Amino acid sequence: MNSKQRKKLISLAMNVATTVQIGKNGITESVIGEIDRALEDHELVKIGVLRSVLQSAKSLIAELAEKTNAEPVQAIGNKIVLYRLSQKDGIKHIILD
């Protein structure tokens, strides 16, 4: 992913509501499953990291991206944004130039 594509995704993510929350248990199989389903349904997912989590969003983004086969877009504050092209029909796909 190049910087122009990343900027476009960051811009789109500003209007996306937080879809998944990571709680005090951290990255669990159920959290990975929720993120995976959200990526398949929406392609761009915003994840909230609760204050009770001992790790920061920046330290979690690489692990989440790897476990969901997604592209890390941004980790800022307590929010993480991931992108993955969906194989699902019937959704509006994000076109990256």
N, C-alpha and C. Protein backbone atom coordinates (compact mmCIF):
# COMPACT_ATOMS: atom_id res chain seq x y z
N MET A 1 0.84 -1.16 0.00
CA MET A 1 0.00 0.00 0.00
C MET A 1 0.90 1.24 0.00
N ASN A 2 0.62 2.15 -0.92
CA ASN A 2 1.43 3.36 -0.97
C ASN A 2 0.81 4.47 -0.12
N SER A 3 1.50 5.58 0.01
CA SER A 3 1.05 6.65 0.90
C SER A 3 -0.24 7.30 0.41
N LYS A 4 -0.44 7.38 -0.88
CA LYS A 4 -1.66 7.97 -1.43
C LYS A 4 -2.88 7.09 -1.06
N GLN A 5 -2.73 5.79 -1.19
CA GLN A 5 -3.80 4.88 -0.82
C GLN A 5 -4.08 4.93 0.67
N ARG A 6 -3.03 4.99 1.48
CA ARG A 6 -3.18 5.07 2.94
C ARG A 6 -3.93 6.35 3.33
N LYS A 7 -3.58 7.47 2.69
CA LYS A 7 -4.26 8.75 2.98
C LYS A 7 -5.74 8.66 2.65
N LYS A 8 -6.07 8.00 1.54
CA LYS A 8 -7.47 7.85 1.16
C LYS A 8 -8.22 7.03 2.21
N LEU A 9 -7.61 5.94 2.67
CA LEU A 9 -8.25 5.08 3.68
C LEU A 9 -8.39 5.81 5.01
N ILE A 10 -7.40 6.60 5.39
CA ILE A 10 -7.49 7.38 6.63
C ILE A 10 -8.63 8.38 6.53
N SER A 11 -8.77 9.00 5.37
CA SER A 11 -9.86 9.95 5.15
C SER A 11 -11.22 9.26 5.25
N LEU A 12 -11.34 8.09 4.65
CA LEU A 12 -12.60 7.34 4.71
C LEU A 12 -12.90 6.88 6.14
N ALA A 13 -11.86 6.53 6.88
CA ALA A 13 -12.03 6.02 8.24
C ALA A 13 -12.57 7.07 9.20
N MET A 14 -12.40 8.33 8.87
CA MET A 14 -12.89 9.40 9.74
C MET A 14 -14.40 9.32 9.92
N ASN A 15 -15.09 8.79 8.92
CA ASN A 15 -16.55 8.69 8.95
C ASN A 15 -17.05 7.31 9.35
N VAL A 16 -16.15 6.44 9.75
CA VAL A 16 -16.52 5.07 10.14
C VAL A 16 -16.64 5.00 11.66
N ALA A 17 -17.71 4.39 12.12
CA ALA A 17 -17.87 4.21 13.57
C ALA A 17 -17.00 3.05 14.04
N THR A 18 -16.64 3.08 15.30
CA THR A 18 -15.88 1.98 15.89
C THR A 18 -16.73 0.72 15.84
N THR A 19 -16.20 -0.33 15.22
CA THR A 19 -16.94 -1.56 15.01
C THR A 19 -16.66 -2.60 16.09
N VAL A 20 -15.42 -2.69 16.51
CA VAL A 20 -15.00 -3.72 17.46
C VAL A 20 -14.23 -3.05 18.60
N GLN A 21 -14.42 -3.55 19.81
CA GLN A 21 -13.68 -3.06 20.98
C GLN A 21 -12.77 -4.16 21.49
N ILE A 22 -11.55 -3.80 21.84
CA ILE A 22 -10.63 -4.73 22.48
C ILE A 22 -10.64 -4.39 23.96
N GLY A 23 -11.04 -5.35 24.79
CA GLY A 23 -11.16 -5.14 26.22
C GLY A 23 -9.96 -5.63 26.99
N LYS A 24 -10.15 -5.78 28.29
CA LYS A 24 -9.04 -6.12 29.19
C LYS A 24 -8.41 -7.48 28.89
N ASN A 25 -9.12 -8.36 28.20
CA ASN A 25 -8.56 -9.67 27.84
C ASN A 25 -7.65 -9.59 26.63
N GLY A 26 -7.57 -8.43 26.00
CA GLY A 26 -6.68 -8.23 24.86
C GLY A 26 -7.18 -8.90 23.58
N ILE A 27 -6.25 -9.37 22.78
CA ILE A 27 -6.59 -9.98 21.50
C ILE A 27 -6.93 -11.45 21.73
N THR A 28 -8.22 -11.75 21.67
CA THR A 28 -8.69 -13.12 21.84
C THR A 28 -9.18 -13.65 20.49
N GLU A 29 -9.46 -14.94 20.44
CA GLU A 29 -9.99 -15.55 19.21
C GLU A 29 -11.32 -14.92 18.82
N SER A 30 -12.15 -14.59 19.80
CA SER A 30 -13.44 -13.99 19.47
C SER A 30 -13.27 -12.58 18.90
N VAL A 31 -12.30 -11.84 19.40
CA VAL A 31 -12.03 -10.50 18.85
C VAL A 31 -11.54 -10.63 17.42
N ILE A 32 -10.63 -11.57 17.17
CA ILE A 32 -10.13 -11.80 15.81
C ILE A 32 -11.29 -12.17 14.88
N GLY A 33 -12.20 -13.04 15.35
CA GLY A 33 -13.36 -13.42 14.55
C GLY A 33 -14.26 -12.24 14.24
N GLU A 34 -14.49 -11.38 15.22
CA GLU A 34 -15.32 -10.18 14.99
C GLU A 34 -14.68 -9.25 13.97
N ILE A 35 -13.37 -9.04 14.11
CA ILE A 35 -12.67 -8.16 13.16
C ILE A 35 -12.70 -8.77 11.77
N ASP A 36 -12.50 -10.08 11.67
CA ASP A 36 -12.52 -10.77 10.39
C ASP A 36 -13.87 -10.61 9.69
N ARG A 37 -14.96 -10.81 10.46
CA ARG A 37 -16.31 -10.63 9.89
C ARG A 37 -16.55 -9.19 9.46
N ALA A 38 -16.11 -8.24 10.28
CA ALA A 38 -16.29 -6.83 9.96
C ALA A 38 -15.51 -6.45 8.69
N LEU A 39 -14.30 -6.97 8.55
CA LEU A 39 -13.52 -6.70 7.34
C LEU A 39 -14.20 -7.27 6.10
N GLU A 40 -14.78 -8.45 6.22
CA GLU A 40 -15.48 -9.08 5.09
C GLU A 40 -16.72 -8.27 4.72
N ASP A 41 -17.38 -7.69 5.71
CA ASP A 41 -18.61 -6.93 5.46
C ASP A 41 -18.36 -5.49 5.03
N HIS A 42 -17.25 -4.89 5.49
CA HIS A 42 -17.07 -3.45 5.28
C HIS A 42 -15.73 -3.05 4.66
N GLU A 43 -14.75 -3.92 4.65
CA GLU A 43 -13.39 -3.69 4.15
C GLU A 43 -12.56 -2.74 5.01
N LEU A 44 -13.15 -1.72 5.57
CA LEU A 44 -12.43 -0.76 6.41
C LEU A 44 -13.05 -0.80 7.80
N VAL A 45 -12.22 -1.11 8.80
CA VAL A 45 -12.74 -1.32 10.15
C VAL A 45 -11.97 -0.46 11.14
N LYS A 46 -12.73 0.18 12.02
CA LYS A 46 -12.12 0.95 13.11
C LYS A 46 -12.31 0.16 14.40
N ILE A 47 -11.21 -0.01 15.12
CA ILE A 47 -11.20 -0.82 16.34
C ILE A 47 -10.82 0.07 17.52
N GLY A 48 -11.59 -0.01 18.57
CA GLY A 48 -11.29 0.75 19.78
C GLY A 48 -10.53 -0.12 20.78
N VAL A 49 -9.53 0.47 21.42
CA VAL A 49 -8.77 -0.23 22.46
C VAL A 49 -9.12 0.44 23.78
N LEU A 50 -9.77 -0.31 24.66
CA LEU A 50 -10.19 0.25 25.94
C LEU A 50 -8.99 0.58 26.82
N ARG A 51 -9.18 1.51 27.73
CA ARG A 51 -8.09 1.93 28.62
C ARG A 51 -7.60 0.81 29.54
N SER A 52 -8.45 -0.19 29.76
CA SER A 52 -8.07 -1.30 30.64
C SER A 52 -7.05 -2.24 30.00
N VAL A 53 -6.81 -2.09 28.69
CA VAL A 53 -5.83 -2.92 27.99
C VAL A 53 -4.44 -2.38 28.31
N LEU A 54 -3.52 -3.26 28.64
CA LEU A 54 -2.18 -2.84 29.04
C LEU A 54 -1.32 -2.37 27.87
N GLN A 55 -1.67 -2.77 26.65
CA GLN A 55 -0.89 -2.38 25.47
C GLN A 55 -1.56 -1.21 24.75
N SER A 56 -0.75 -0.46 24.02
CA SER A 56 -1.28 0.67 23.24
C SER A 56 -1.77 0.18 21.88
N ALA A 57 -2.56 1.02 21.23
CA ALA A 57 -3.05 0.70 19.89
C ALA A 57 -1.88 0.49 18.93
N LYS A 58 -0.85 1.31 19.06
CA LYS A 58 0.32 1.19 18.17
C LYS A 58 1.04 -0.14 18.34
N SER A 59 1.02 -0.67 19.55
CA SER A 59 1.71 -1.95 19.77
C SER A 59 0.84 -3.14 19.33
N LEU A 60 -0.46 -2.93 19.16
CA LEU A 60 -1.37 -4.02 18.78
C LEU A 60 -1.63 -4.10 17.28
N ILE A 61 -1.43 -3.02 16.54
CA ILE A 61 -1.85 -2.97 15.13
C ILE A 61 -1.17 -4.04 14.27
N ALA A 62 0.11 -4.26 14.44
CA ALA A 62 0.81 -5.25 13.61
C ALA A 62 0.29 -6.65 13.85
N GLU A 63 0.07 -6.99 15.11
CA GLU A 63 -0.44 -8.33 15.45
C GLU A 63 -1.85 -8.54 14.88
N LEU A 64 -2.69 -7.53 15.01
CA LEU A 64 -4.05 -7.63 14.47
C LEU A 64 -4.03 -7.77 12.95
N ALA A 65 -3.19 -6.98 12.29
CA ALA A 65 -3.10 -7.05 10.83
C ALA A 65 -2.64 -8.43 10.39
N GLU A 66 -1.66 -8.98 11.08
CA GLU A 66 -1.14 -10.30 10.73
C GLU A 66 -2.20 -11.38 10.92
N LYS A 67 -2.90 -11.35 12.04
CA LYS A 67 -3.87 -12.40 12.35
C LYS A 67 -5.13 -12.33 11.49
N THR A 68 -5.40 -11.17 10.88
CA THR A 68 -6.60 -11.02 10.04
C THR A 68 -6.25 -10.88 8.56
N ASN A 69 -4.98 -10.99 8.22
CA ASN A 69 -4.51 -10.80 6.84
C ASN A 69 -4.97 -9.47 6.27
N ALA A 70 -4.88 -8.43 7.09
CA ALA A 70 -5.32 -7.10 6.70
C ALA A 70 -4.13 -6.16 6.61
N GLU A 71 -4.36 -5.02 5.99
CA GLU A 71 -3.35 -3.98 5.91
C GLU A 71 -3.52 -3.02 7.07
N PRO A 72 -2.47 -2.75 7.83
CA PRO A 72 -2.58 -1.74 8.88
C PRO A 72 -2.64 -0.36 8.24
N VAL A 73 -3.63 0.41 8.60
CA VAL A 73 -3.80 1.74 8.02
C VAL A 73 -3.31 2.81 8.99
N GLN A 74 -3.80 2.73 10.23
CA GLN A 74 -3.46 3.77 11.20
C GLN A 74 -3.71 3.28 12.62
N ALA A 75 -2.86 3.72 13.53
CA ALA A 75 -3.08 3.52 14.96
C ALA A 75 -2.81 4.87 15.60
N ILE A 76 -3.85 5.47 16.13
CA ILE A 76 -3.70 6.79 16.73
C ILE A 76 -4.57 6.84 17.98
N GLY A 77 -3.99 7.31 19.06
CA GLY A 77 -4.73 7.33 20.32
C GLY A 77 -5.09 5.92 20.72
N ASN A 78 -6.39 5.69 20.93
CA ASN A 78 -6.86 4.34 21.28
C ASN A 78 -7.66 3.70 20.14
N LYS A 79 -7.39 4.14 18.91
CA LYS A 79 -8.09 3.62 17.74
C LYS A 79 -7.11 2.98 16.76
N ILE A 80 -7.57 1.90 16.14
CA ILE A 80 -6.82 1.19 15.10
C ILE A 80 -7.71 1.10 13.88
N VAL A 81 -7.11 1.31 12.71
CA VAL A 81 -7.86 1.16 11.46
C VAL A 81 -7.16 0.10 10.62
N LEU A 82 -7.95 -0.88 10.16
CA LEU A 82 -7.45 -1.95 9.29
C LEU A 82 -8.25 -1.97 7.99
N TYR A 83 -7.60 -2.43 6.92
CA TYR A 83 -8.26 -2.56 5.62
C TYR A 83 -7.93 -3.92 5.03
N ARG A 84 -8.95 -4.53 4.43
CA ARG A 84 -8.74 -5.75 3.66
C ARG A 84 -9.82 -5.82 2.59
N LEU A 85 -9.41 -6.06 1.36
CA LEU A 85 -10.36 -6.21 0.26
C LEU A 85 -11.24 -7.42 0.53
N SER A 86 -12.54 -7.22 0.45
CA SER A 86 -13.49 -8.28 0.74
C SER A 86 -13.75 -9.13 -0.50
N GLN A 87 -13.98 -10.40 -0.27
CA GLN A 87 -14.36 -11.32 -1.35
C GLN A 87 -15.87 -11.44 -1.47
N LYS A 88 -16.59 -10.73 -0.63
CA LYS A 88 -18.03 -10.83 -0.54
C LYS A 88 -18.69 -10.03 -1.67
N ASP A 89 -19.70 -10.63 -2.28
CA ASP A 89 -20.48 -9.93 -3.31
C ASP A 89 -21.56 -9.09 -2.64
N GLY A 90 -21.99 -8.05 -3.31
CA GLY A 90 -23.11 -7.26 -2.83
C GLY A 90 -22.73 -6.13 -1.88
N ILE A 91 -21.44 -5.90 -1.70
CA ILE A 91 -21.03 -4.76 -0.87
C ILE A 91 -20.32 -3.75 -1.77
N LYS A 92 -20.28 -2.51 -1.32
CA LYS A 92 -19.57 -1.48 -2.08
C LYS A 92 -18.10 -1.58 -1.74
N HIS A 93 -17.29 -1.96 -2.73
CA HIS A 93 -15.86 -2.13 -2.51
C HIS A 93 -15.16 -0.78 -2.57
N ILE A 94 -14.12 -0.64 -1.77
CA ILE A 94 -13.31 0.56 -1.77
C ILE A 94 -12.30 0.43 -2.90
N ILE A 95 -12.29 1.40 -3.79
CA ILE A 95 -11.37 1.40 -4.92
C ILE A 95 -10.14 2.21 -4.55
N LEU A 96 -8.98 1.54 -4.53
CA LEU A 96 -7.72 2.23 -4.27
C LEU A 96 -7.00 2.44 -5.58
N ASP A 97 -6.60 3.67 -5.85
CA ASP A 97 -5.89 3.98 -7.10
C ASP A 97 -4.45 3.57 -7.03
